[in-house]
Amino acid sequence: MSAGATTRRTSGSCARRSIFPTARSSTSEIRRVGALPNPSVPAYTAADIRIAWRLQRELELSVVFIDSGHVEFGNPATASEMSSGAYVKLKWNY
């Protein structure tokens, strides 16, 4: 990013509300990032959803869905776009 470039980030979240009866926990987050003036990058809004299951006391499986599709920085005409996707995480606490 060039010197003097600024961005505003606003986010909110909703935790422990599950639409899946077998899920132990779920969270969602919507974030809005303002436009950058130099280089000119448009504002964007993105949303993430995380669903987690506690398989054992020390073992957790989670799936994260990322809705994005935006340019982070650089000239929007030539810059690579962050794409939407999903990933799976297995967390073991020992």
Foldseek 3Di string as FASTA:
>chain_A
DDPPWDKDKDKDKDKADDPDVQFPIKMKMKMWMCFTVVVTFHIDIWMKMKTKHPPDPFKMKMKMWICFFGFPDDDPVPGDTDHTDMDMDIGGDD
